[in-house]
Every structure is written in structure tokens, then in C-alpha cells.
Amino acid sequence: MRQCIIAIFVMLTLLMVGTTSSVAGLTFYYDFEEIKDGAIPDRSGNGLNGKIVGDVTLDGGKVGKAARFKNKGYLDLNGAKVPKNLIPSKGFSLLAWVNVEADGDQAIFNAWAADNTWLIHPEVRPGGGYYRWTVRTDGGVTIGEVKKGKPVKNEWHHFAAIYDSVTGVATLYIDGVEVGKDARAGSKGKTVNSNWDKGARVGYNVDNGRNFTGRMDEVGLWDEALALDQVKKYMDGLPQAAVDAKGKLASKWGRIKSLK
């Protein structure tokens, strides 16, 4: 009887977790641990699975497995269908581990608005000798741009691009160290364009340019400006307690039933 009561209590608790499985502040998060139905599952709980288009496979990563992008393969997020409340505007943080294998300008993530504004350019540019972080508001007005750091091919490096509309400051961290900041006049209070109607992709610009060649791991987008200590926290991946609550529900219930 006591075991039955415990089982019911745990089950009710897990059901509550399962119904609130999205992670606060996250728009999407890809850990690249599996491919499911032709897509990379979104671990944020928001259901923004990245549909694989072309040559994207799983390979050894910085944390577990990673995605290997080749031959202009990419993930399609179907930007026009992304709920507006999930698109970062007042705060914007894009984190990713990158390991590039080519010299060209390479997009980590890209989104294009209906007014032809390229929202952001988080890029690795080994040929140019720097990382790029550009962020824009409505009408294509640049509100922050940093071109710093020194990419090295065939090495893992952590890329963290942050924008805070309250301060109007864009900051770029590489491997947990600030490499550049842009606090330009007039950016304070300016928000990021929140329209992805022309598309959103990981690994390739929406206009089929600047394809990523190499491996990516632990790619996440937050709707807030993360502080450096938070960036460092997520460099090892999203805390597993916040991932796949629904899957954990099934496995834990199986163990509870075995107690009978």
C-alpha cells in the first residue's frame, strides 16, 4: 500500500514536470545527440525541431555528439511558422560550439525578416581572420557589430553573441572570454527585428550563402542577454535536468511499476 501511494505521488509530480518541460528563456536548443524523423530535436521544449536539408550528419562533438555540415547542408526552422512570442527581441543570446574546416564566411544561424532585414550575422570567418557578430533592428539598421577574435580551423571554439536592448550593447565572447563590445550611440532601447517570415536556418544563410562547413555542437538561442557566468555555465551544455522531461516521465514510471 505504501509503495502504491509513493508511486502515485511521484507520477503526479512527473506529470507536472512533463506539462512544463520548456526551458525558461530558450527559443531553441540543439544538442545533436540524435536525428529523429529527418530533423534535429529541439531540447528547449518549444518544438522548433531543425529539419535537415542536404548533407547534415552526426559526428563526434564537444559534448557528446555534434552535427557535421557539408556540401551546403543546413537546418531549416521554417521561420514564418515560428510563434512571434518565441522570437528574441529585447534580449538576444546565441551560443554554439564551432569547429570549421573551410576558409569562407560561415553562418552559424541566420534569420531574414519580411522587410528584407537580415536580423543577425553570427559568423566564423577564418579567411578574414575574425568572428563576426552583427545585430539589426527594423528597417535593416545595424545596432551592434563586433568583428574580433581569431578563428582556427579544425579546432573547437565556443561562440557566444549577446545583445541587450536596455543598454544597447552587443558583446562577443569566444571561449568564455570577451573579445569585443559595441555600445554605439543611438542603440540604447533598440530591439532586434522580431520577424522571421523569410526564413530561419542553422548553418546556411536564407539566401543560400555563407554555408557552414565543419561541426557544430550545443547550439542555443535565448530571448535574454546572458551574463558571462551564464555563458560559461552553458558551455558544457544544457543541464540535463531541463531536457526531455517527457521522456524521463516514461522511464521513471517504468521503474516505479517494477516496485510492485
Protein backbone atom coordinates (compact mmCIF):
# COMPACT_ATOMS: atom_id res chain seq x y z
CA MET A 1 0.00 0.00 0.00
CA ARG A 2 2.80 2.40 0.96
CA GLN A 3 4.61 1.74 -2.33
CA CYS A 4 1.39 2.41 -4.24
CA ILE A 5 0.93 5.79 -2.52
CA ILE A 6 4.55 6.73 -3.25
CA ALA A 7 4.13 5.71 -6.88
CA ILE A 8 1.01 7.86 -7.28
CA PHE A 9 2.74 10.87 -5.71
CA VAL A 10 5.80 10.54 -7.94
CA MET A 11 3.61 10.05 -11.00
CA LEU A 12 1.67 13.24 -10.29
CA THR A 13 4.92 15.15 -9.79
CA LEU A 14 6.33 13.88 -13.07
CA LEU A 15 3.14 14.76 -14.90
CA MET A 16 3.53 18.33 -13.69
CA VAL A 17 7.13 18.38 -14.96
CA GLY A 18 6.03 16.93 -18.29
CA THR A 19 3.49 19.69 -18.84
CA THR A 20 6.04 22.44 -18.09
CA SER A 21 9.02 20.99 -19.94
CA SER A 22 10.06 24.11 -21.86
CA VAL A 23 13.17 25.82 -20.51
CA ALA A 24 12.76 29.44 -19.40
CA GLY A 25 14.40 31.94 -21.73
CA LEU A 26 15.16 29.48 -24.52
CA THR A 27 13.87 29.77 -28.06
CA PHE A 28 15.60 26.60 -29.29
CA TYR A 29 18.42 24.30 -28.25
CA TYR A 30 20.10 21.61 -30.36
CA ASP A 31 22.46 19.15 -28.68
CA PHE A 32 22.76 17.00 -31.82
CA GLU A 33 22.56 13.73 -29.93
CA GLU A 34 20.07 12.22 -32.37
CA ILE A 35 18.24 12.59 -35.64
CA LYS A 36 14.51 11.97 -35.42
CA ASP A 37 12.14 11.94 -38.39
CA GLY A 38 14.68 13.77 -40.54
CA ALA A 39 15.24 16.56 -38.01
CA ILE A 40 17.37 17.55 -35.06
CA PRO A 41 15.10 17.64 -31.97
CA ASP A 42 14.73 20.95 -30.15
CA ARG A 43 15.60 20.33 -26.49
CA SER A 44 14.09 23.62 -25.30
CA GLY A 45 10.59 22.16 -25.18
CA ASN A 46 9.29 24.64 -27.79
CA GLY A 47 9.09 22.12 -30.62
CA LEU A 48 11.28 24.08 -33.05
CA ASN A 49 12.91 20.98 -34.49
CA GLY A 50 15.53 21.71 -37.15
CA LYS A 51 14.60 19.95 -40.40
CA ILE A 52 17.69 18.57 -42.12
CA VAL A 53 18.12 19.80 -45.68
CA GLY A 54 21.02 18.27 -47.59
CA ASP A 55 24.21 16.94 -46.06
CA VAL A 56 23.99 17.12 -42.26
CA THR A 57 25.10 14.08 -40.25
CA LEU A 58 26.08 13.27 -36.67
CA ASP A 59 29.74 13.01 -35.65
CA GLY A 60 31.95 13.35 -32.61
CA GLY A 61 31.21 16.56 -30.73
CA LYS A 62 32.46 18.80 -27.98
CA VAL A 63 29.74 17.47 -25.67
CA GLY A 64 28.65 14.04 -26.81
CA LYS A 65 27.72 14.12 -30.50
CA ALA A 66 27.77 17.07 -32.93
CA ALA A 67 26.34 17.88 -36.34
CA ARG A 68 28.68 17.82 -39.32
CA PHE A 69 27.62 20.26 -42.04
CA LYS A 70 28.89 19.56 -45.57
CA ASN A 71 28.02 20.48 -49.15
CA LYS A 72 25.71 23.36 -48.12
CA GLY A 73 23.57 21.23 -45.83
CA TYR A 74 21.61 23.08 -43.12
CA LEU A 75 18.77 23.00 -40.62
CA ASP A 76 15.51 24.71 -41.62
CA LEU A 77 13.46 26.19 -38.76
CA ASN A 78 10.55 27.29 -41.00
CA GLY A 79 10.87 30.86 -39.74
CA ALA A 80 7.46 32.05 -40.90
CA LYS A 81 5.81 29.43 -38.66
CA VAL A 82 7.80 30.25 -35.51
CA PRO A 83 5.45 31.84 -32.93
CA LYS A 84 6.26 35.53 -32.52
CA ASN A 85 6.47 35.21 -28.76
CA LEU A 86 9.46 32.88 -29.16
CA ILE A 87 11.50 35.24 -31.34
CA PRO A 88 14.05 37.18 -29.24
CA SER A 89 13.77 40.95 -29.46
CA LYS A 90 14.63 42.79 -26.23
CA GLY A 91 17.42 40.38 -25.39
CA PHE A 92 19.33 38.06 -27.72
CA SER A 93 21.93 35.41 -26.91
CA LEU A 94 23.25 32.85 -29.40
CA LEU A 95 25.66 30.21 -28.13
CA ALA A 96 27.40 27.44 -30.07
CA TRP A 97 30.50 25.30 -30.19
CA VAL A 98 32.04 25.52 -33.67
CA ASN A 99 34.78 23.61 -35.46
CA VAL A 100 35.18 24.90 -39.01
CA GLU A 101 37.02 23.17 -41.82
CA ALA A 102 36.96 25.82 -44.57
CA ASP A 103 38.09 29.42 -45.10
CA GLY A 104 34.92 31.09 -46.35
CA ASP A 105 32.46 33.25 -44.40
CA GLN A 106 30.31 30.73 -42.49
CA ALA A 107 26.93 31.35 -40.87
CA ILE A 108 26.09 29.73 -37.54
CA PHE A 109 22.47 30.93 -37.54
CA ASN A 110 20.57 33.28 -39.81
CA ALA A 111 17.10 34.84 -39.97
CA TRP A 112 15.57 37.13 -42.60
CA ALA A 113 12.59 39.42 -41.99
CA ALA A 114 9.75 40.28 -44.36
CA ASP A 115 11.10 43.84 -44.74
CA ASN A 116 14.37 42.34 -46.09
CA THR A 117 16.22 42.97 -42.82
CA TRP A 118 18.94 40.46 -42.05
CA LEU A 119 18.40 40.25 -38.30
CA ILE A 120 21.76 38.91 -37.28
CA HIS A 121 25.08 37.63 -38.59
CA PRO A 122 26.79 35.30 -36.12
CA GLU A 123 29.61 34.04 -38.32
CA VAL A 124 33.00 32.38 -38.35
CA ARG A 125 35.37 33.92 -40.90
CA PRO A 126 38.71 32.06 -40.93
CA GLY A 127 39.73 33.62 -44.25
CA GLY A 128 39.18 37.13 -42.88
CA GLY A 129 40.76 36.22 -39.56
CA TYR A 130 37.86 37.08 -37.23
CA TYR A 131 34.47 36.12 -35.82
CA ARG A 132 31.53 38.35 -36.67
CA TRP A 133 28.52 39.35 -34.57
CA THR A 134 26.12 41.78 -36.24
CA VAL A 135 22.62 42.58 -34.98
CA ARG A 136 19.94 44.80 -36.56
CA THR A 137 16.61 46.40 -35.75
CA ASP A 138 13.63 47.12 -38.04
CA GLY A 139 14.45 48.52 -41.45
CA GLY A 140 17.90 46.95 -41.52
CA VAL A 141 19.52 49.46 -39.15
CA THR A 142 22.63 47.99 -37.53
CA ILE A 143 22.52 48.38 -33.74
CA GLY A 144 25.64 46.39 -32.94
CA GLU A 145 28.61 44.87 -34.70
CA VAL A 146 31.76 43.14 -33.45
CA LYS A 147 34.48 41.66 -35.65
CA LYS A 148 37.07 40.19 -33.33
CA GLY A 149 38.87 37.02 -32.32
CA LYS A 150 40.95 34.69 -34.46
CA PRO A 151 39.27 31.53 -35.77
CA VAL A 152 41.44 28.45 -36.17
CA LYS A 153 40.29 25.66 -38.46
CA ASN A 154 39.85 22.13 -37.16
CA GLU A 155 39.65 23.26 -33.53
CA TRP A 156 36.68 23.56 -31.19
CA HIS A 157 35.89 27.09 -30.03
CA HIS A 158 32.88 28.44 -28.18
CA PHE A 159 30.97 31.34 -29.78
CA ALA A 160 28.64 33.47 -27.64
CA ALA A 161 26.93 36.52 -29.17
CA ILE A 162 24.88 38.74 -26.84
CA TYR A 163 22.69 41.80 -27.34
CA ASP A 164 20.94 43.77 -24.56
CA SER A 165 18.33 46.29 -25.75
CA VAL A 166 18.24 48.00 -22.34
CA THR A 167 21.86 49.10 -22.67
CA GLY A 168 22.10 48.85 -26.46
CA VAL A 169 25.32 46.86 -26.11
CA ALA A 170 26.38 43.97 -28.34
CA THR A 171 29.06 41.69 -26.90
CA LEU A 172 31.02 38.77 -28.35
CA TYR A 173 32.65 36.09 -26.18
CA ILE A 174 34.98 33.44 -27.58
CA ASP A 175 35.81 30.51 -25.31
CA GLY A 176 34.26 32.35 -22.39
CA VAL A 177 36.40 35.47 -22.82
CA GLU A 178 35.12 38.84 -24.06
CA VAL A 179 36.82 39.70 -27.36
CA GLY A 180 34.75 42.72 -28.37
CA LYS A 181 31.87 45.02 -27.49
CA ASP A 182 29.85 47.62 -29.40
CA ALA A 183 27.97 50.30 -27.43
CA ARG A 184 27.22 52.65 -30.31
CA ALA A 185 25.27 55.86 -29.86
CA GLY A 186 21.56 55.50 -30.54
CA SER A 187 21.31 51.77 -29.90
CA LYS A 188 20.09 52.04 -26.33
CA GLY A 189 16.50 50.83 -26.18
CA LYS A 190 16.57 49.46 -29.74
CA THR A 191 15.12 45.97 -30.12
CA VAL A 192 16.06 43.23 -32.59
CA ASN A 193 13.68 42.80 -35.50
CA SER A 194 11.27 40.08 -34.37
CA ASN A 195 10.14 38.87 -37.79
CA TRP A 196 11.47 35.63 -39.31
CA ASP A 197 8.96 35.49 -42.16
CA LYS A 198 11.56 34.98 -44.92
CA GLY A 199 13.16 32.09 -43.08
CA ALA A 200 15.50 30.96 -40.31
CA ARG A 201 18.33 28.46 -40.63
CA VAL A 202 21.27 26.93 -38.82
CA GLY A 203 24.39 26.57 -40.97
CA TYR A 204 23.38 28.49 -44.11
CA ASN A 205 22.03 31.95 -44.90
CA VAL A 206 18.42 32.09 -46.06
CA ASP A 207 19.57 33.44 -49.46
CA ASN A 208 21.82 30.37 -49.89
CA GLY A 209 25.10 31.99 -48.97
CA ARG A 210 27.86 31.61 -46.37
CA ASN A 211 27.39 27.90 -45.79
CA PHE A 212 28.95 26.39 -42.68
CA THR A 213 31.46 23.60 -43.29
CA GLY A 214 32.52 21.56 -40.28
CA ARG A 215 30.99 20.62 -36.96
CA MET A 216 28.61 22.44 -34.60
CA ASP A 217 27.50 21.46 -31.13
CA GLU A 218 25.22 22.73 -28.34
CA VAL A 219 23.55 25.49 -30.39
CA GLY A 220 21.14 27.55 -28.32
CA LEU A 221 19.20 30.79 -28.67
CA TRP A 222 17.91 32.73 -25.64
CA ASP A 223 15.43 35.64 -25.55
CA GLU A 224 17.56 37.45 -22.96
CA ALA A 225 21.05 38.90 -22.67
CA LEU A 226 23.03 36.26 -20.82
CA ALA A 227 25.73 37.34 -18.40
CA LEU A 228 29.23 35.89 -18.71
CA ASP A 229 28.74 33.48 -15.82
CA GLN A 230 25.65 32.12 -17.58
CA VAL A 231 27.58 31.75 -20.85
CA LYS A 232 30.22 29.72 -19.04
CA LYS A 233 27.53 27.62 -17.38
CA TYR A 234 26.04 26.62 -20.73
CA MET A 235 29.37 25.91 -22.41
CA ASP A 236 29.08 22.35 -21.09
CA GLY A 237 25.59 22.00 -22.50
CA LEU A 238 22.07 22.49 -21.26
CA PRO A 239 21.58 20.99 -17.78
CA GLN A 240 20.16 17.52 -18.34
CA ALA A 241 17.51 18.04 -15.68
CA ALA A 242 15.87 20.53 -18.02
CA VAL A 243 15.93 18.29 -21.07
CA ASP A 244 13.40 15.72 -22.25
CA ALA A 245 11.15 15.77 -19.20
CA LYS A 246 8.56 13.90 -21.20
CA GLY A 247 10.98 11.08 -21.99
CA LYS A 248 12.07 10.88 -18.38
CA LEU A 249 8.43 10.53 -17.36
CA ALA A 250 8.12 7.25 -19.24
CA SER A 251 11.40 5.80 -18.00
CA LYS A 252 10.76 6.72 -14.35
CA TRP A 253 7.22 5.33 -14.48
CA GLY A 254 8.66 2.05 -15.73
CA ARG A 255 10.94 1.87 -12.72
CA ILE A 256 8.07 2.74 -10.34
CA LYS A 257 5.93 -0.08 -11.75
CA SER A 258 8.77 -2.51 -11.15
CA LEU A 259 8.48 -1.83 -7.40
CA LYS A 260 5.09 -3.53 -7.24
